[in-house]
Structure formats: C-alpha cells, structure tokens
C-alpha cells in the first residue's frame, strides 16, 4: 500500500529487498491487502502500473535519498523490473 500512497524510493527499496531476500511471500502479502487498500481508499488495480507511473520521481530521488543509507544500492531499473516480475508471478497484479 505504501507504494500506492507515497512516492518514496525507500518504500520501493524495502519491497524489493523483502521479495528478493524471501522475507515475504505472496500469501503473506496478499492475506489482507484488499481489505487494507479498501480502508485506505486505494484502487487495487492501480498496483499493476504504480511503478511505471511513479518511475520519473523514483529516478530523480533514487540516488540522492538512498545512496547514503545503502552501500550496495541496486540500479533502479533492476529494482523496478524485478519488483514488477514478482508482483505478476505472485498474482498480486
């Protein structure tokens, strides 16, 4: 939900990190996602293209906001591609 409600690079980084390090799985994430999104008045269909819509902002803020926090900061394009793939494969979009 944070990816839909905010445009903070750290939110995208955290989602990507959790998925690539297997700290979250689709079942755990989707368990109450619809309910939470309804409560926050967010459209679940918007999750399918959220990274594309916000990519310009992520691109502008990725390095300045995260470089000092993450010594091995992955390239934004890689993070977007892998996160979108995980969302599709997990059935969340």
N, C-alpha and C. Protein backbone atom coordinates (compact mmCIF):
# COMPACT_ATOMS: atom_id res chain seq x y z
N UNK A 1 0.81 -1.20 0.00
CA UNK A 1 0.00 0.00 0.00
C UNK A 1 0.85 1.26 0.00
N UNK A 2 2.02 1.20 0.63
CA UNK A 2 2.87 2.38 0.68
C UNK A 2 3.27 2.84 -0.72
N UNK A 3 3.47 1.90 -1.63
CA UNK A 3 3.84 2.27 -2.99
C UNK A 3 2.73 3.04 -3.69
N UNK A 4 1.50 2.78 -3.35
CA UNK A 4 0.38 3.49 -3.98
C UNK A 4 0.15 4.85 -3.33
N UNK A 5 0.33 4.93 -2.05
CA UNK A 5 0.01 6.16 -1.33
C UNK A 5 1.12 7.18 -1.30
N UNK A 6 2.36 6.74 -1.45
CA UNK A 6 3.50 7.65 -1.37
C UNK A 6 4.42 7.39 -2.55
N UNK A 7 5.34 8.32 -2.76
CA UNK A 7 6.35 8.11 -3.81
C UNK A 7 7.72 8.28 -3.16
N UNK A 8 8.02 7.40 -2.25
CA UNK A 8 9.30 7.41 -1.56
C UNK A 8 10.15 6.25 -2.06
N UNK A 9 11.34 6.54 -2.53
CA UNK A 9 12.22 5.47 -3.01
C UNK A 9 12.47 4.38 -1.96
N UNK A 10 12.48 4.74 -0.70
CA UNK A 10 12.74 3.76 0.35
C UNK A 10 11.63 2.70 0.39
N UNK A 11 10.40 3.09 0.08
CA UNK A 11 9.30 2.11 0.04
C UNK A 11 9.56 1.06 -1.04
N UNK A 12 9.96 1.52 -2.22
CA UNK A 12 10.26 0.59 -3.31
C UNK A 12 11.46 -0.28 -2.95
N UNK A 13 12.50 0.33 -2.40
CA UNK A 13 13.68 -0.44 -2.00
C UNK A 13 13.28 -1.53 -1.00
N UNK A 14 12.49 -1.18 -0.01
CA UNK A 14 12.09 -2.15 1.02
C UNK A 14 11.28 -3.31 0.44
N UNK A 15 10.33 -2.99 -0.44
CA UNK A 15 9.53 -4.04 -1.08
C UNK A 15 10.44 -4.98 -1.86
N UNK A 16 11.31 -4.41 -2.66
CA UNK A 16 12.24 -5.21 -3.46
C UNK A 16 13.14 -6.07 -2.56
N UNK A 17 13.66 -5.49 -1.51
CA UNK A 17 14.55 -6.20 -0.59
C UNK A 17 13.81 -7.39 0.05
N UNK A 18 12.61 -7.14 0.51
CA UNK A 18 11.84 -8.22 1.16
C UNK A 18 11.58 -9.38 0.20
N UNK A 19 11.26 -9.06 -1.05
CA UNK A 19 10.96 -10.11 -2.01
C UNK A 19 12.22 -10.84 -2.46
N UNK A 20 13.29 -10.11 -2.74
CA UNK A 20 14.50 -10.77 -3.24
C UNK A 20 15.22 -11.56 -2.16
N UNK A 21 15.03 -11.19 -0.91
CA UNK A 21 15.64 -11.93 0.19
C UNK A 21 14.66 -12.89 0.85
N UNK A 22 13.52 -13.07 0.19
CA UNK A 22 12.48 -14.02 0.65
C UNK A 22 12.05 -13.78 2.10
N UNK A 23 11.91 -12.50 2.44
CA UNK A 23 11.43 -12.14 3.76
C UNK A 23 9.91 -12.00 3.78
N UNK A 24 9.31 -12.07 2.59
CA UNK A 24 7.85 -12.02 2.46
C UNK A 24 7.46 -12.92 1.30
N UNK A 25 6.29 -13.49 1.39
CA UNK A 25 5.80 -14.29 0.27
C UNK A 25 4.43 -13.77 -0.15
N UNK A 26 3.99 -14.20 -1.31
CA UNK A 26 2.75 -13.68 -1.88
C UNK A 26 1.55 -13.92 -0.96
N UNK A 27 1.49 -15.08 -0.36
CA UNK A 27 0.36 -15.39 0.51
C UNK A 27 0.32 -14.44 1.71
N UNK A 28 1.47 -14.20 2.30
CA UNK A 28 1.53 -13.30 3.45
C UNK A 28 1.17 -11.87 3.06
N UNK A 29 1.65 -11.44 1.90
CA UNK A 29 1.40 -10.08 1.45
C UNK A 29 -0.06 -9.89 1.06
N UNK A 30 -0.61 -10.86 0.36
CA UNK A 30 -1.97 -10.71 -0.15
C UNK A 30 -3.05 -11.01 0.89
N UNK A 31 -2.67 -11.56 2.02
CA UNK A 31 -3.64 -12.00 3.02
C UNK A 31 -4.71 -10.96 3.31
N UNK A 32 -4.29 -9.75 3.57
CA UNK A 32 -5.27 -8.69 3.88
C UNK A 32 -5.07 -7.46 3.02
N UNK A 33 -4.37 -7.61 1.92
CA UNK A 33 -4.07 -6.47 1.08
C UNK A 33 -5.33 -5.78 0.57
N UNK A 34 -6.28 -6.53 0.06
CA UNK A 34 -7.52 -5.94 -0.45
C UNK A 34 -8.27 -5.16 0.62
N UNK A 35 -8.34 -5.74 1.79
CA UNK A 35 -9.02 -5.09 2.92
C UNK A 35 -8.31 -3.79 3.30
N UNK A 36 -7.00 -3.84 3.38
CA UNK A 36 -6.22 -2.66 3.76
C UNK A 36 -6.34 -1.57 2.70
N UNK A 37 -6.31 -1.97 1.43
CA UNK A 37 -6.41 -0.99 0.35
C UNK A 37 -7.80 -0.34 0.35
N UNK A 38 -8.83 -1.11 0.61
CA UNK A 38 -10.18 -0.55 0.68
C UNK A 38 -10.29 0.46 1.82
N UNK A 39 -9.71 0.11 2.96
CA UNK A 39 -9.73 1.01 4.11
C UNK A 39 -9.04 2.33 3.79
N UNK A 40 -7.95 2.26 3.04
CA UNK A 40 -7.19 3.46 2.68
C UNK A 40 -7.69 4.10 1.39
N UNK A 41 -8.79 3.55 0.86
CA UNK A 41 -9.41 4.04 -0.37
C UNK A 41 -8.42 4.05 -1.55
N UNK A 42 -7.68 2.96 -1.68
CA UNK A 42 -6.74 2.78 -2.78
C UNK A 42 -7.30 1.74 -3.74
N UNK A 43 -7.09 1.95 -5.02
CA UNK A 43 -7.59 1.05 -6.05
C UNK A 43 -6.60 -0.10 -6.25
N UNK A 44 -6.99 -1.34 -5.98
CA UNK A 44 -6.08 -2.47 -6.16
C UNK A 44 -5.55 -2.59 -7.59
N UNK A 45 -6.34 -2.19 -8.58
CA UNK A 45 -5.89 -2.25 -9.97
C UNK A 45 -4.72 -1.31 -10.23
N UNK A 46 -4.59 -0.27 -9.42
CA UNK A 46 -3.50 0.69 -9.60
C UNK A 46 -2.14 0.08 -9.31
N UNK A 47 -2.12 -1.02 -8.58
CA UNK A 47 -0.85 -1.67 -8.26
C UNK A 47 -0.15 -2.18 -9.51
N UNK A 48 -0.90 -2.49 -10.55
CA UNK A 48 -0.33 -3.04 -11.78
C UNK A 48 0.62 -2.07 -12.48
N UNK A 49 0.35 -0.77 -12.39
CA UNK A 49 1.21 0.17 -13.11
C UNK A 49 1.81 1.25 -12.21
N UNK A 50 1.76 1.03 -10.91
CA UNK A 50 2.25 2.05 -9.99
C UNK A 50 3.73 2.40 -10.22
N UNK A 51 4.55 1.41 -10.49
CA UNK A 51 5.98 1.69 -10.66
C UNK A 51 6.24 2.45 -11.95
N UNK A 52 5.46 2.18 -12.98
CA UNK A 52 5.59 2.91 -14.24
C UNK A 52 5.17 4.36 -14.04
N UNK A 53 4.03 4.56 -13.39
CA UNK A 53 3.53 5.92 -13.17
C UNK A 53 4.47 6.76 -12.33
N UNK A 54 5.15 6.15 -11.38
CA UNK A 54 5.99 6.90 -10.46
C UNK A 54 7.48 6.83 -10.81
N UNK A 55 7.80 6.23 -11.94
CA UNK A 55 9.20 5.99 -12.26
C UNK A 55 10.02 7.27 -12.39
N UNK A 56 9.46 8.33 -12.96
CA UNK A 56 10.22 9.58 -13.09
C UNK A 56 10.63 10.12 -11.72
N UNK A 57 9.71 10.09 -10.78
CA UNK A 57 10.03 10.56 -9.43
C UNK A 57 11.04 9.64 -8.76
N UNK A 58 10.83 8.32 -8.88
CA UNK A 58 11.80 7.39 -8.32
C UNK A 58 13.18 7.62 -8.92
N UNK A 59 13.24 7.83 -10.22
CA UNK A 59 14.52 8.03 -10.90
C UNK A 59 15.23 9.28 -10.36
N UNK A 60 14.47 10.34 -10.15
CA UNK A 60 15.04 11.60 -9.66
C UNK A 60 15.53 11.47 -8.21
N UNK A 61 14.83 10.70 -7.40
CA UNK A 61 15.13 10.64 -5.97
C UNK A 61 15.93 9.41 -5.53
N UNK A 62 16.07 8.41 -6.38
CA UNK A 62 16.68 7.13 -6.01
C UNK A 62 18.06 7.31 -5.39
N UNK A 63 18.98 7.89 -6.12
CA UNK A 63 20.35 8.07 -5.62
C UNK A 63 20.43 9.06 -4.46
N UNK A 64 19.86 10.27 -4.60
CA UNK A 64 20.01 11.25 -3.52
C UNK A 64 19.43 10.78 -2.18
N UNK A 65 18.32 10.07 -2.21
CA UNK A 65 17.68 9.66 -0.96
C UNK A 65 18.25 8.38 -0.36
N UNK A 66 18.82 7.51 -1.21
CA UNK A 66 19.21 6.19 -0.71
C UNK A 66 20.71 5.92 -0.68
N UNK A 67 21.48 6.61 -1.46
CA UNK A 67 22.91 6.30 -1.57
C UNK A 67 23.60 6.30 -0.20
N UNK A 68 23.30 7.24 0.66
CA UNK A 68 23.94 7.30 1.97
C UNK A 68 23.47 6.21 2.92
N UNK A 69 22.31 5.62 2.66
CA UNK A 69 21.76 4.59 3.54
C UNK A 69 22.12 3.18 3.11
N UNK A 70 22.30 2.99 1.80
CA UNK A 70 22.52 1.66 1.25
C UNK A 70 23.86 1.61 0.53
N UNK A 71 24.85 0.96 1.11
CA UNK A 71 26.17 0.93 0.46
C UNK A 71 26.16 0.18 -0.88
N UNK A 72 25.29 -0.81 -1.03
CA UNK A 72 25.20 -1.58 -2.27
C UNK A 72 23.85 -1.34 -2.92
N UNK A 73 23.56 -0.09 -3.23
CA UNK A 73 22.27 0.27 -3.80
C UNK A 73 22.13 -0.31 -5.20
N UNK A 74 21.11 -1.14 -5.42
CA UNK A 74 20.91 -1.70 -6.77
C UNK A 74 20.43 -0.62 -7.73
N UNK A 75 20.63 -0.84 -9.00
CA UNK A 75 20.18 0.10 -10.02
C UNK A 75 18.65 0.12 -10.04
N UNK A 76 18.08 1.30 -10.17
CA UNK A 76 16.63 1.46 -10.13
C UNK A 76 15.93 0.61 -11.19
N UNK A 77 16.46 0.57 -12.41
CA UNK A 77 15.80 -0.22 -13.46
C UNK A 77 15.70 -1.69 -13.08
N UNK A 78 16.73 -2.21 -12.44
CA UNK A 78 16.72 -3.60 -11.99
C UNK A 78 15.66 -3.80 -10.91
N UNK A 79 15.59 -2.88 -9.98
CA UNK A 79 14.62 -2.98 -8.89
C UNK A 79 13.19 -2.94 -9.44
N UNK A 80 12.92 -2.03 -10.36
CA UNK A 80 11.58 -1.91 -10.94
C UNK A 80 11.22 -3.19 -11.71
N UNK A 81 12.13 -3.67 -12.54
CA UNK A 81 11.88 -4.87 -13.33
C UNK A 81 11.62 -6.08 -12.43
N UNK A 82 12.48 -6.28 -11.44
CA UNK A 82 12.33 -7.45 -10.57
C UNK A 82 11.09 -7.36 -9.68
N UNK A 83 10.77 -6.17 -9.22
CA UNK A 83 9.58 -5.99 -8.38
C UNK A 83 8.32 -6.23 -9.19
N UNK A 84 8.27 -5.68 -10.40
CA UNK A 84 7.11 -5.92 -11.28
C UNK A 84 6.97 -7.41 -11.58
N UNK A 85 8.07 -8.08 -11.84
CA UNK A 85 8.03 -9.52 -12.12
C UNK A 85 7.47 -10.28 -10.91
N UNK A 86 7.95 -9.94 -9.72
CA UNK A 86 7.47 -10.63 -8.52
C UNK A 86 5.98 -10.38 -8.32
N UNK A 87 5.53 -9.15 -8.53
CA UNK A 87 4.11 -8.84 -8.37
C UNK A 87 3.26 -9.65 -9.34
N UNK A 88 3.73 -9.77 -10.59
CA UNK A 88 2.99 -10.56 -11.59
C UNK A 88 3.00 -12.04 -11.23
N UNK A 89 4.17 -12.57 -10.94
CA UNK A 89 4.29 -14.01 -10.65
C UNK A 89 3.53 -14.41 -9.40
N UNK A 90 3.42 -13.49 -8.47
CA UNK A 90 2.72 -13.81 -7.23
C UNK A 90 1.21 -13.64 -7.34
N UNK A 91 0.76 -13.10 -8.46
CA UNK A 91 -0.66 -12.91 -8.66
C UNK A 91 -1.23 -11.67 -7.99
N UNK A 92 -0.37 -10.79 -7.53
CA UNK A 92 -0.85 -9.57 -6.88
C UNK A 92 -1.30 -8.52 -7.88
N UNK A 93 -0.86 -8.65 -9.13
CA UNK A 93 -1.32 -7.73 -10.20
C UNK A 93 -1.77 -8.55 -11.39
